Amino acid sequence: MSTSQNSHAPNNLGTNGESTTLDFNNAPIKILDRGPYHLVVAKPPSVVCHHSEWAGLRKKNKKYKRQNTEKDAMHGRRVNLIHRLDRGASGCLIFSFADGDRVDEKKDPNPTSQLIQSLQNPNSIKTYVALVRGEGILHGEDLKAKGWFTIDRPIKDEKGRVRDAITEFRFLAGYTNKSANEPQPVRASVVLARPKTGRWHQIRRHLNGLSHPILGDSTHGNSKINREWREYRNMSGERTCLHLGRVQLVPTTATLGGEDAEVTTNVLPNGLDVTCPIPRDMFDMIAVYMPQLLEKVVPLLAEEGITFESEA
């Protein structure tokens, strides 16, 4: 699996000198990777990426498709959303170019379907970075000493159905200043997460089950702690401290032109390996209020190919 161009590359991934940023409400969106059939951008926090201006407005009629399309600002090409990120989360967001799709998917697998299949392949990896409450101790056990470990705990989906859910976690480092007699003591850890299934709020719910909810998570987190971070430590009101820092997809192909086609077009001939630096807001939360934690996690994140925006 080859490494694609990413945010460390010069800002010139477009052709003929064209801009490499999309514009959303006058905020530049950085392109991390671009190919003939796909586009990967750095989604900022507080941006809705589905049923919104980001990926197409919801239609009032019943014909509205769940994966609607939006135009790519550089060429006027329409794009399809391959996966979702929660509104308050940030990181790698993958699109396919809609003009590569075909009508009869049984005869002609389209790039959108192929990218979704690649993302769902068990050998593909999505590595998230979470900033959570707690110093990495659960019932006297040091979670940081466990390395990578697996949580296999079913959760209910949006319709209340119980579904299998598996997530791999690695607690990198923790911090606490409880002994400093602070009026609002800080207890936090940086955690890596790799979901093996794609359930609703899976990472957020599994971390809450470990008594280490994600900071800013208004649904599965701790409202008192979230309020303290917003009032005293400048966390944005719409921020959920979850960031998709790296996506590694297996190679895939799509035969374009119907069942009699002789040419097979590689959607991702070498797979995809793209990283998105952790945004400045999460960096500042750690650097300003937990500098000792920052020193510990920087080299550990580097082992996973992930950096902070200030380092990129």
C-alpha atoms as a PDB file:
ATOM      1  CA  MET A   1       0.000   0.000   0.000  1.00  0.00           C
ATOM      2  CA  SER A   2       1.669   3.166  -1.155  1.00  0.00           C
ATOM      3  CA  THR A   3       1.495   6.448   0.684  1.00  0.00           C
ATOM      4  CA  SER A   4      -0.589   9.105  -1.028  1.00  0.00           C
ATOM      5  CA  GLN A   5       0.103  12.805  -1.080  1.00  0.00           C
ATOM      6  CA  ASN A   6      -1.064  14.393   2.139  1.00  0.00           C
ATOM      7  CA  SER A   7      -1.090  17.609   4.089  1.00  0.00           C
ATOM      8  CA  HIS A   8       2.704  17.576   4.401  1.00  0.00           C
ATOM      9  CA  ALA A   9       2.971  17.990   0.629  1.00  0.00           C
ATOM     10  CA  PRO A  10       3.097  21.464  -0.936  1.00  0.00           C
ATOM     11  CA  ASN A  11      -0.296  23.057  -1.398  1.00  0.00           C
ATOM     12  CA  ASN A  12      -0.383  22.400  -5.161  1.00  0.00           C
ATOM     13  CA  LEU A  13      -2.252  19.162  -5.724  1.00  0.00           C
ATOM     14  CA  GLY A  14      -4.511  20.727  -8.344  1.00  0.00           C
ATOM     15  CA  THR A  15      -3.622  20.880 -12.025  1.00  0.00           C
ATOM     16  CA  ASN A  16      -2.691  23.893 -14.116  1.00  0.00           C
ATOM     17  CA  GLY A  17      -2.020  25.995 -11.040  1.00  0.00           C
ATOM     18  CA  GLU A  18      -5.541  25.627  -9.696  1.00  0.00           C
ATOM     19  CA  SER A  19      -6.292  26.131  -6.011  1.00  0.00           C
ATOM     20  CA  THR A  20      -6.242  23.033  -3.819  1.00  0.00           C
ATOM     21  CA  THR A  21      -8.823  24.257  -1.317  1.00  0.00           C
ATOM     22  CA  LEU A  22     -12.571  24.015  -1.245  1.00  0.00           C
ATOM     23  CA  ASP A  23     -14.561  26.828   0.290  1.00  0.00           C
ATOM     24  CA  PHE A  24     -17.208  26.274   2.969  1.00  0.00           C
ATOM     25  CA  ASN A  25     -18.789  29.409   4.393  1.00  0.00           C
ATOM     26  CA  ASN A  26     -15.588  31.299   3.489  1.00  0.00           C
ATOM     27  CA  ALA A  27     -13.444  28.788   5.424  1.00  0.00           C
ATOM     28  CA  PRO A  28     -10.737  27.103   3.321  1.00  0.00           C
ATOM     29  CA  ILE A  29     -10.897  23.319   3.355  1.00  0.00           C
ATOM     30  CA  LYS A  30      -7.559  21.656   2.750  1.00  0.00           C
ATOM     31  CA  ILE A  31      -7.280  18.815   0.251  1.00  0.00           C
ATOM     32  CA  LEU A  32      -5.177  15.963   1.619  1.00  0.00           C
ATOM     33  CA  ASP A  33      -5.261  13.666  -1.403  1.00  0.00           C
ATOM     34  CA  ARG A  34      -6.785  13.589  -4.872  1.00  0.00           C
ATOM     35  CA  GLY A  35      -6.988  10.879  -7.537  1.00  0.00           C
ATOM     36  CA  PRO A  36      -8.988  10.208 -10.705  1.00  0.00           C
ATOM     37  CA  TYR A  37     -11.882   8.797  -8.679  1.00  0.00           C
ATOM     38  CA  HIS A  38     -11.490  10.120  -5.147  1.00  0.00           C
ATOM     39  CA  LEU A  39     -10.895  13.190  -3.025  1.00  0.00           C
ATOM     40  CA  VAL A  40      -9.818  13.377   0.626  1.00  0.00           C
ATOM     41  CA  VAL A  41     -10.205  16.626   2.566  1.00  0.00           C
ATOM     42  CA  ALA A  42      -9.501  17.749   6.119  1.00  0.00           C
ATOM     43  CA  LYS A  43     -12.881  18.241   7.751  1.00  0.00           C
ATOM     44  CA  PRO A  44     -12.779  20.951  10.422  1.00  0.00           C
ATOM     45  CA  PRO A  45     -14.798  20.612  13.632  1.00  0.00           C
ATOM     46  CA  SER A  46     -18.319  22.082  13.834  1.00  0.00           C
ATOM     47  CA  VAL A  47     -19.036  21.279  10.167  1.00  0.00           C
ATOM     48  CA  VAL A  48     -21.884  18.929   9.290  1.00  0.00           C
ATOM     49  CA  CYS A  49     -20.761  16.542   6.553  1.00  0.00           C
ATOM     50  CA  HIS A  50     -24.079  14.905   5.709  1.00  0.00           C
ATOM     51  CA  HIS A  51     -27.538  16.317   5.007  1.00  0.00           C
ATOM     52  CA  SER A  52     -25.935  19.739   4.815  1.00  0.00           C
ATOM     53  CA  GLU A  53     -24.271  22.220   2.510  1.00  0.00           C
ATOM     54  CA  TRP A  54     -21.081  20.200   2.935  1.00  0.00           C
ATOM     55  CA  ALA A  55     -22.476  17.133   1.124  1.00  0.00           C
ATOM     56  CA  GLY A  56     -25.753  18.293  -0.375  1.00  0.00           C
ATOM     57  CA  LEU A  57     -28.864  19.716   1.223  1.00  0.00           C
ATOM     58  CA  ARG A  58     -31.602  17.349   2.340  1.00  0.00           C
ATOM     59  CA  LYS A  59     -34.435  17.104  -0.195  1.00  0.00           C
ATOM     60  CA  LYS A  60     -37.998  17.273   1.037  1.00  0.00           C
ATOM     61  CA  ASN A  61     -39.203  14.653  -1.438  1.00  0.00           C
ATOM     62  CA  LYS A  62     -38.875  10.914  -0.845  1.00  0.00           C
ATOM     63  CA  LYS A  63     -36.413  10.467  -3.691  1.00  0.00           C
ATOM     64  CA  TYR A  64     -33.614  12.048  -1.710  1.00  0.00           C
ATOM     65  CA  LYS A  65     -30.619   9.712  -1.635  1.00  0.00           C
ATOM     66  CA  ARG A  66     -28.751   9.234   1.618  1.00  0.00           C
ATOM     67  CA  GLN A  67     -25.425   9.920  -0.050  1.00  0.00           C
ATOM     68  CA  ASN A  68     -26.269  13.099  -1.873  1.00  0.00           C
ATOM     69  CA  THR A  69     -23.792  14.991  -4.008  1.00  0.00           C
ATOM     70  CA  GLU A  70     -22.103  18.336  -3.875  1.00  0.00           C
ATOM     71  CA  LYS A  71     -19.889  20.047  -6.388  1.00  0.00           C
ATOM     72  CA  ASP A  72     -16.146  20.068  -6.176  1.00  0.00           C
ATOM     73  CA  ALA A  73     -15.290  23.755  -6.274  1.00  0.00           C
ATOM     74  CA  MET A  74     -12.196  23.290  -8.420  1.00  0.00           C
ATOM     75  CA  HIS A  75     -13.753  21.670 -11.477  1.00  0.00           C
ATOM     76  CA  GLY A  76     -17.502  21.806 -10.920  1.00  0.00           C
ATOM     77  CA  ARG A  77     -17.470  17.999 -10.613  1.00  0.00           C
ATOM     78  CA  ARG A  78     -19.959  16.413  -8.259  1.00  0.00           C
ATOM     79  CA  VAL A  79     -18.729  14.260  -5.401  1.00  0.00           C
ATOM     80  CA  ASN A  80     -20.282  11.541  -3.231  1.00  0.00           C
ATOM     81  CA  LEU A  81     -19.629  11.193   0.487  1.00  0.00           C
ATOM     82  CA  ILE A  82     -17.997   7.823   1.265  1.00  0.00           C
ATOM     83  CA  HIS A  83     -18.259   7.961   5.057  1.00  0.00           C
ATOM     84  CA  ARG A  84     -19.346  10.276   7.843  1.00  0.00           C
ATOM     85  CA  LEU A  85     -17.701  12.176  10.648  1.00  0.00           C
ATOM     86  CA  ASP A  86     -19.717  13.575  13.535  1.00  0.00           C
ATOM     87  CA  ARG A  87     -20.320  17.315  13.439  1.00  0.00           C
ATOM     88  CA  GLY A  88     -17.933  18.109  16.292  1.00  0.00           C
ATOM     89  CA  ALA A  89     -15.234  15.717  15.051  1.00  0.00           C
ATOM     90  CA  SER A  90     -12.478  16.477  12.543  1.00  0.00           C
ATOM     91  CA  GLY A  91     -10.090  14.689  10.210  1.00  0.00           C
ATOM     92  CA  CYS A  92      -9.920  12.768   6.943  1.00  0.00           C
ATOM     93  CA  LEU A  93     -13.135  12.829   4.924  1.00  0.00           C
ATOM     94  CA  ILE A  94     -13.305  10.776   1.727  1.00  0.00           C
ATOM     95  CA  PHE A  95     -15.372  11.534  -1.378  1.00  0.00           C
ATOM     96  CA  SER A  96     -15.688   9.871  -4.767  1.00  0.00           C
ATOM     97  CA  PHE A  97     -16.223  11.750  -8.024  1.00  0.00           C
ATOM     98  CA  ALA A  98     -19.811  11.094  -9.025  1.00  0.00           C
ATOM     99  CA  ASP A  99     -19.167  11.273 -12.773  1.00  0.00           C
ATOM    100  CA  GLY A 100     -17.298   7.963 -12.539  1.00  0.00           C
ATOM    101  CA  ASP A 101     -20.417   6.121 -11.354  1.00  0.00           C
ATOM    102  CA  ARG A 102     -22.691   4.019 -13.553  1.00  0.00           C
ATOM    103  CA  VAL A 103     -26.385   3.174 -13.392  1.00  0.00           C
ATOM    104  CA  ASP A 104     -26.328  -0.649 -13.311  1.00  0.00           C
ATOM    105  CA  GLU A 105     -24.096  -1.502 -10.381  1.00  0.00           C
ATOM    106  CA  LYS A 106     -24.503  -5.271 -10.886  1.00  0.00           C
ATOM    107  CA  LYS A 107     -22.971  -5.047 -14.341  1.00  0.00           C
ATOM    108  CA  ASP A 108     -20.695  -2.146 -13.669  1.00  0.00           C
ATOM    109  CA  PRO A 109     -19.376  -1.642 -10.082  1.00  0.00           C
ATOM    110  CA  ASN A 110     -18.871   2.084  -9.671  1.00  0.00           C
ATOM    111  CA  PRO A 111     -16.049   3.934  -7.888  1.00  0.00           C
ATOM    112  CA  THR A 112     -18.316   5.001  -5.042  1.00  0.00           C
ATOM    113  CA  SER A 113     -19.253   1.398  -4.276  1.00  0.00           C
ATOM    114  CA  GLN A 114     -15.665   0.259  -4.650  1.00  0.00           C
ATOM    115  CA  LEU A 115     -14.397   2.902  -2.222  1.00  0.00           C
ATOM    116  CA  ILE A 116     -17.066   1.988   0.308  1.00  0.00           C
ATOM    117  CA  GLN A 117     -16.132  -1.689  -0.024  1.00  0.00           C
ATOM    118  CA  SER A 118     -12.459  -0.832   0.444  1.00  0.00           C
ATOM    119  CA  LEU A 119     -13.266   1.206   3.551  1.00  0.00           C
ATOM    120  CA  GLN A 120     -15.260  -1.712   4.967  1.00  0.00           C
ATOM    121  CA  ASN A 121     -12.544  -4.257   4.204  1.00  0.00           C
ATOM    122  CA  PRO A 122     -11.205  -5.753   7.475  1.00  0.00           C
ATOM    123  CA  ASN A 123      -7.653  -5.013   6.313  1.00  0.00           C
ATOM    124  CA  SER A 124      -8.356  -1.302   5.926  1.00  0.00           C
ATOM    125  CA  ILE A 125      -7.586   0.853   8.963  1.00  0.00           C
ATOM    126  CA  LYS A 126      -9.032   4.095  10.303  1.00  0.00           C
ATOM    127  CA  THR A 127      -7.005   5.523  13.197  1.00  0.00           C
ATOM    128  CA  TYR A 128      -8.756   8.120  15.355  1.00  0.00           C
ATOM    129  CA  VAL A 129      -7.226  10.307  18.057  1.00  0.00           C
ATOM    130  CA  ALA A 130      -9.413  11.136  21.063  1.00  0.00           C
ATOM    131  CA  LEU A 131      -8.876  13.471  23.992  1.00  0.00           C
ATOM    132  CA  VAL A 132     -10.777  11.955  26.912  1.00  0.00           C
ATOM    133  CA  ARG A 133     -11.526  12.590  30.562  1.00  0.00           C
ATOM    134  CA  GLY A 134      -9.466  10.493  32.990  1.00  0.00           C
ATOM    135  CA  GLU A 135      -5.792   9.631  33.321  1.00  0.00           C
ATOM    136  CA  GLY A 136      -6.031   6.101  31.909  1.00  0.00           C
ATOM    137  CA  ILE A 137      -6.790   4.165  35.095  1.00  0.00           C
ATOM    138  CA  LEU A 138      -9.885   1.940  35.298  1.00  0.00           C
ATOM    139  CA  HIS A 139     -10.692   0.000  38.491  1.00  0.00           C
ATOM    140  CA  GLY A 140      -7.032   0.142  39.468  1.00  0.00           C
ATOM    141  CA  GLU A 141      -5.795  -1.113  36.095  1.00  0.00           C
ATOM    142  CA  ASP A 142      -3.419   1.054  34.073  1.00  0.00           C
ATOM    143  CA  LEU A 143      -4.907   1.085  30.568  1.00  0.00           C
ATOM    144  CA  LYS A 144      -1.763   2.741  29.221  1.00  0.00           C
ATOM    145  CA  ALA A 145       0.249  -0.386  30.018  1.00  0.00           C
ATOM    146  CA  LYS A 146      -2.027  -2.610  27.940  1.00  0.00           C
ATOM    147  CA  GLY A 147      -0.868  -1.368  24.539  1.00  0.00           C
ATOM    148  CA  TRP A 148      -3.485  -2.086  21.900  1.00  0.00           C
ATOM    149  CA  PHE A 149      -6.508  -3.909  23.336  1.00  0.00           C
ATOM    150  CA  THR A 150      -9.957  -4.772  21.996  1.00  0.00           C
ATOM    151  CA  ILE A 151     -13.396  -3.843  23.278  1.00  0.00           C
ATOM    152  CA  ASP A 152     -16.075  -6.184  21.934  1.00  0.00           C
ATOM    153  CA  ARG A 153     -19.343  -4.858  23.322  1.00  0.00           C
ATOM    154  CA  PRO A 154     -22.653  -4.740  21.409  1.00  0.00           C
ATOM    155  CA  ILE A 155     -24.406  -1.389  21.243  1.00  0.00           C
ATOM    156  CA  LYS A 156     -27.791  -0.227  20.016  1.00  0.00           C
ATOM    157  CA  ASP A 157     -28.067   1.565  16.683  1.00  0.00           C
ATOM    158  CA  GLU A 158     -30.235   4.593  15.902  1.00  0.00           C
ATOM    159  CA  LYS A 159     -33.327   2.355  15.691  1.00  0.00           C
ATOM    160  CA  GLY A 160     -32.684   0.609  18.981  1.00  0.00           C
ATOM    161  CA  ARG A 161     -31.413  -2.635  17.459  1.00  0.00           C
ATOM    162  CA  VAL A 162     -28.527  -4.329  19.271  1.00  0.00           C
ATOM    163  CA  ARG A 163     -25.520  -4.664  16.946  1.00  0.00           C
ATOM    164  CA  ASP A 164     -22.083  -6.169  17.371  1.00  0.00           C
ATOM    165  CA  ALA A 165     -19.429  -3.481  17.898  1.00  0.00           C
ATOM    166  CA  ILE A 166     -15.662  -3.960  18.072  1.00  0.00           C
ATOM    167  CA  THR A 167     -13.053  -1.240  18.651  1.00  0.00           C
ATOM    168  CA  GLU A 168      -9.313  -1.442  19.214  1.00  0.00           C
ATOM    169  CA  PHE A 169      -7.873   1.106  21.658  1.00  0.00           C
ATOM    170  CA  ARG A 170      -4.451   2.278  22.755  1.00  0.00           C
ATOM    171  CA  PHE A 171      -4.159   4.693  25.669  1.00  0.00           C
ATOM    172  CA  LEU A 172      -1.009   6.662  24.855  1.00  0.00           C
ATOM    173  CA  ALA A 173      -0.573   8.800  27.965  1.00  0.00           C
ATOM    174  CA  GLY A 174      -2.535  10.408  30.772  1.00  0.00           C
ATOM    175  CA  TYR A 175      -2.307  13.514  32.934  1.00  0.00           C
ATOM    176  CA  THR A 176      -3.708  14.790  36.208  1.00  0.00           C
ATOM    177  CA  ASN A 177      -3.067  17.828  38.404  1.00  0.00           C
ATOM    178  CA  LYS A 178      -5.423  16.820  41.210  1.00  0.00           C
ATOM    179  CA  SER A 179      -2.664  17.242  43.775  1.00  0.00           C
ATOM    180  CA  ALA A 180      -2.167  20.889  42.791  1.00  0.00           C
ATOM    181  CA  ASN A 181      -5.349  22.005  44.607  1.00  0.00           C
ATOM    182  CA  GLU A 182      -6.764  23.451  41.413  1.00  0.00           C
ATOM    183  CA  PRO A 183     -10.404  24.604  41.660  1.00  0.00           C
ATOM    184  CA  GLN A 184     -11.114  22.672  38.447  1.00  0.00           C
ATOM    185  CA  PRO A 185      -8.521  19.856  38.339  1.00  0.00           C
ATOM    186  CA  VAL A 186      -7.543  18.424  34.962  1.00  0.00           C
ATOM    187  CA  ARG A 187      -7.664  14.686  34.295  1.00  0.00           C
ATOM    188  CA  ALA A 188      -7.217  13.707  30.669  1.00  0.00           C
ATOM    189  CA  SER A 189      -5.657  11.170  28.313  1.00  0.00           C
ATOM    190  CA  VAL A 190      -4.879  10.868  24.624  1.00  0.00           C
ATOM    191  CA  VAL A 191      -6.277   7.672  23.117  1.00  0.00           C
ATOM    192  CA  LEU A 192      -6.002   6.013  19.713  1.00  0.00           C
ATOM    193  CA  ALA A 193      -9.042   4.137  18.398  1.00  0.00           C
ATOM    194  CA  ARG A 194      -9.528   1.820  15.443  1.00  0.00           C
ATOM    195  CA  PRO A 195     -13.138   0.739  14.901  1.00  0.00           C
ATOM    196  CA  LYS A 196     -13.492  -2.708  13.341  1.00  0.00           C
ATOM    197  CA  THR A 197     -17.231  -2.243  12.867  1.00  0.00           C
ATOM    198  CA  GLY A 198     -19.063   0.914  11.883  1.00  0.00           C
ATOM    199  CA  ARG A 199     -21.794   1.412  14.453  1.00  0.00           C
ATOM    200  CA  TRP A 200     -23.490   4.637  15.488  1.00  0.00           C
ATOM    201  CA  HIS A 201     -21.229   6.652  17.859  1.00  0.00           C
ATOM    202  CA  GLN A 202     -19.236   3.465  18.410  1.00  0.00           C
ATOM    203  CA  ILE A 203     -15.942   4.979  19.591  1.00  0.00           C
ATOM    204  CA  ARG A 204     -17.704   7.528  21.771  1.00  0.00           C
ATOM    205  CA  ARG A 205     -19.868   4.902  23.446  1.00  0.00           C
ATOM    206  CA  HIS A 206     -17.094   2.384  23.973  1.00  0.00           C
ATOM    207  CA  LEU A 207     -14.880   5.026  25.586  1.00  0.00           C
ATOM    208  CA  ASN A 208     -17.737   6.097  27.824  1.00  0.00           C
ATOM    209  CA  GLY A 209     -18.074   2.442  28.805  1.00  0.00           C
ATOM    210  CA  LEU A 210     -14.426   2.570  29.883  1.00  0.00           C
ATOM    211  CA  SER A 211     -15.263   5.604  32.081  1.00  0.00           C
ATOM    212  CA  HIS A 212     -13.144   7.799  29.791  1.00  0.00           C
ATOM    213  CA  PRO A 213     -15.691   9.798  27.757  1.00  0.00           C
ATOM    214  CA  ILE A 214     -14.476  12.053  24.993  1.00  0.00           C
ATOM    215  CA  LEU A 215     -14.188  15.711  25.959  1.00  0.00           C
ATOM    216  CA  GLY A 216     -16.954  17.704  24.335  1.00  0.00           C
ATOM    217  CA  ASP A 217     -19.211  14.697  23.761  1.00  0.00           C
ATOM    218  CA  SER A 218     -22.605  16.124  24.691  1.00  0.00           C
ATOM    219  CA  THR A 219     -24.438  12.816  24.135  1.00  0.00           C
ATOM    220  CA  HIS A 220     -22.243  10.184  25.796  1.00  0.00           C
ATOM    221  CA  GLY A 221     -19.878  12.378  27.795  1.00  0.00           C
ATOM    222  CA  ASN A 222     -19.853  14.185  31.123  1.00  0.00           C
ATOM    223  CA  SER A 223     -21.727  17.500  30.999  1.00  0.00           C
ATOM    224  CA  LYS A 224     -19.984  18.920  34.083  1.00  0.00           C
ATOM    225  CA  ILE A 225     -16.495  18.221  32.726  1.00  0.00           C
ATOM    226  CA  ASN A 226     -17.447  19.490  29.269  1.00  0.00           C
ATOM    227  CA  ARG A 227     -18.741  22.721  30.810  1.00  0.00           C
ATOM    228  CA  GLU A 228     -15.475  23.217  32.714  1.00  0.00           C
ATOM    229  CA  TRP A 229     -13.418  22.788  29.540  1.00  0.00           C
ATOM    230  CA  ARG A 230     -15.608  25.251  27.670  1.00  0.00           C
ATOM    231  CA  GLU A 231     -15.697  27.853  30.420  1.00  0.00           C
ATOM    232  CA  TYR A 232     -12.122  27.641  31.702  1.00  0.00           C
ATOM    233  CA  ARG A 233     -10.037  26.053  28.930  1.00  0.00           C
ATOM    234  CA  ASN A 234     -11.392  27.496  25.683  1.00  0.00           C
ATOM    235  CA  MET A 235     -12.884  24.345  24.197  1.00  0.00           C
ATOM    236  CA  SER A 236     -15.321  25.259  21.421  1.00  0.00           C
ATOM    237  CA  GLY A 237     -18.981  24.752  22.222  1.00  0.00           C
ATOM    238  CA  GLU A 238     -19.508  22.464  19.241  1.00  0.00           C
ATOM    239  CA  ARG A 239     -16.233  20.555  19.566  1.00  0.00           C
ATOM    240  CA  THR A 240     -16.075  16.812  20.156  1.00  0.00           C
ATOM    241  CA  CYS A 241     -12.392  15.955  20.680  1.00  0.00           C
ATOM    242  CA  LEU A 242     -12.310  13.098  18.184  1.00  0.00           C
ATOM    243  CA  HIS A 243     -10.086  13.310  15.092  1.00  0.00           C
ATOM    244  CA  LEU A 244      -9.641  10.861  12.205  1.00  0.00           C
ATOM    245  CA  GLY A 245      -5.887  11.159  11.865  1.00  0.00           C
ATOM    246  CA  ARG A 246      -5.061   8.429   9.368  1.00  0.00           C
ATOM    247  CA  VAL A 247      -6.889   6.277   6.803  1.00  0.00           C
ATOM    248  CA  GLN A 248      -5.289   3.237   5.184  1.00  0.00           C
ATOM    249  CA  LEU A 249      -7.380   1.552   2.471  1.00  0.00           C
ATOM    250  CA  VAL A 250      -6.633  -1.653   0.585  1.00  0.00           C
ATOM    251  CA  PRO A 251      -6.360  -1.490  -3.231  1.00  0.00           C
ATOM    252  CA  THR A 252      -9.555  -1.932  -5.197  1.00  0.00           C
ATOM    253  CA  THR A 253     -10.656  -1.993  -8.844  1.00  0.00           C
ATOM    254  CA  ALA A 254     -13.790  -1.208 -10.794  1.00  0.00           C
ATOM    255  CA  THR A 255     -14.641  -2.437 -14.305  1.00  0.00           C
ATOM    256  CA  LEU A 256     -16.095   0.516 -16.169  1.00  0.00           C
ATOM    257  CA  GLY A 257     -18.095   0.225 -19.360  1.00  0.00           C
ATOM    258  CA  GLY A 258     -20.406  -2.723 -18.686  1.00  0.00           C
ATOM    259  CA  GLU A 259     -20.012  -6.474 -18.419  1.00  0.00           C
ATOM    260  CA  ASP A 260     -18.319  -6.712 -21.844  1.00  0.00           C
ATOM    261  CA  ALA A 261     -15.656  -4.155 -20.975  1.00  0.00           C
ATOM    262  CA  GLU A 262     -12.105  -5.278 -21.632  1.00  0.00           C
ATOM    263  CA  VAL A 263     -10.419  -2.571 -19.584  1.00  0.00           C
ATOM    264  CA  THR A 264     -10.363  -2.650 -15.798  1.00  0.00           C
ATOM    265  CA  THR A 265      -9.927   0.762 -14.196  1.00  0.00           C
ATOM    266  CA  ASN A 266      -8.103   0.824 -10.883  1.00  0.00           C
ATOM    267  CA  VAL A 267      -9.907   3.086  -8.443  1.00  0.00           C
ATOM    268  CA  LEU A 268      -7.113   2.781  -5.879  1.00  0.00           C
ATOM    269  CA  PRO A 269      -4.385   0.777  -7.673  1.00  0.00           C
ATOM    270  CA  ASN A 270      -1.958   1.131  -4.761  1.00  0.00           C
ATOM    271  CA  GLY A 271      -4.478   1.548  -1.995  1.00  0.00           C
ATOM    272  CA  LEU A 272      -4.629   4.757   0.021  1.00  0.00           C
ATOM    273  CA  ASP A 273      -2.617   5.949   3.008  1.00  0.00           C
ATOM    274  CA  VAL A 274      -3.445   9.518   3.968  1.00  0.00           C
ATOM    275  CA  THR A 275      -2.956  11.451   7.199  1.00  0.00           C
ATOM    276  CA  CYS A 276      -4.584  14.579   8.602  1.00  0.00           C
ATOM    277  CA  PRO A 277      -2.719  16.544  11.308  1.00  0.00           C
ATOM    278  CA  ILE A 278      -4.552  17.063  14.591  1.00  0.00           C
ATOM    279  CA  PRO A 279      -6.065  20.588  14.461  1.00  0.00           C
ATOM    280  CA  ARG A 280      -4.748  23.562  16.353  1.00  0.00           C
ATOM    281  CA  ASP A 281      -7.649  23.671  18.817  1.00  0.00           C
ATOM    282  CA  MET A 282      -6.878  20.203  20.205  1.00  0.00           C
ATOM    283  CA  PHE A 283      -3.159  20.994  20.204  1.00  0.00           C
ATOM    284  CA  ASP A 284      -3.777  24.145  22.254  1.00  0.00           C
ATOM    285  CA  MET A 285      -5.960  22.293  24.774  1.00  0.00           C
ATOM    286  CA  ILE A 286      -3.083  19.926  25.475  1.00  0.00           C
ATOM    287  CA  ALA A 287      -0.131  22.328  25.103  1.00  0.00           C
ATOM    288  CA  VAL A 288      -1.586  25.092  27.282  1.00  0.00           C
ATOM    289  CA  TYR A 289      -3.193  23.068  30.058  1.00  0.00           C
ATOM    290  CA  MET A 290      -1.250  19.774  29.940  1.00  0.00           C
ATOM    291  CA  PRO A 291       2.235  20.431  28.474  1.00  0.00           C
ATOM    292  CA  GLN A 292       3.653  17.328  30.139  1.00  0.00           C
ATOM    293  CA  LEU A 293       1.078  15.233  28.299  1.00  0.00           C
ATOM    294  CA  LEU A 294       2.067  16.818  24.995  1.00  0.00           C
ATOM    295  CA  GLU A 295       5.705  15.818  25.496  1.00  0.00           C
ATOM    296  CA  LYS A 296       4.667  12.208  26.016  1.00  0.00           C
ATOM    297  CA  VAL A 297       2.214  11.832  23.132  1.00  0.00           C
ATOM    298  CA  VAL A 298       4.109  13.549  20.298  1.00  0.00           C
ATOM    299  CA  PRO A 299       6.594  10.688  19.742  1.00  0.00           C
ATOM    300  CA  LEU A 300       3.916   8.046  20.302  1.00  0.00           C
ATOM    301  CA  LEU A 301       1.631   9.638  17.711  1.00  0.00           C
ATOM    302  CA  ALA A 302       4.584   9.848  15.323  1.00  0.00           C
ATOM    303  CA  GLU A 303       4.863   6.058  15.537  1.00  0.00           C
ATOM    304  CA  GLU A 304       1.387   5.942  13.975  1.00  0.00           C
ATOM    305  CA  GLY A 305       2.269   8.544  11.343  1.00  0.00           C
ATOM    306  CA  ILE A 306       0.135  11.251  12.988  1.00  0.00           C
ATOM    307  CA  THR A 307       1.271  14.776  13.851  1.00  0.00           C
ATOM    308  CA  PHE A 308      -0.219  17.965  15.238  1.00  0.00           C
ATOM    309  CA  GLU A 309      -1.090  20.799  12.867  1.00  0.00           C
ATOM    310  CA  SER A 310       1.634  22.978  14.364  1.00  0.00           C
ATOM    311  CA  GLU A 311       4.223  20.373  13.360  1.00  0.00           C
ATOM    312  CA  ALA A 312       2.991  19.816   9.806  1.00  0.00           C
END
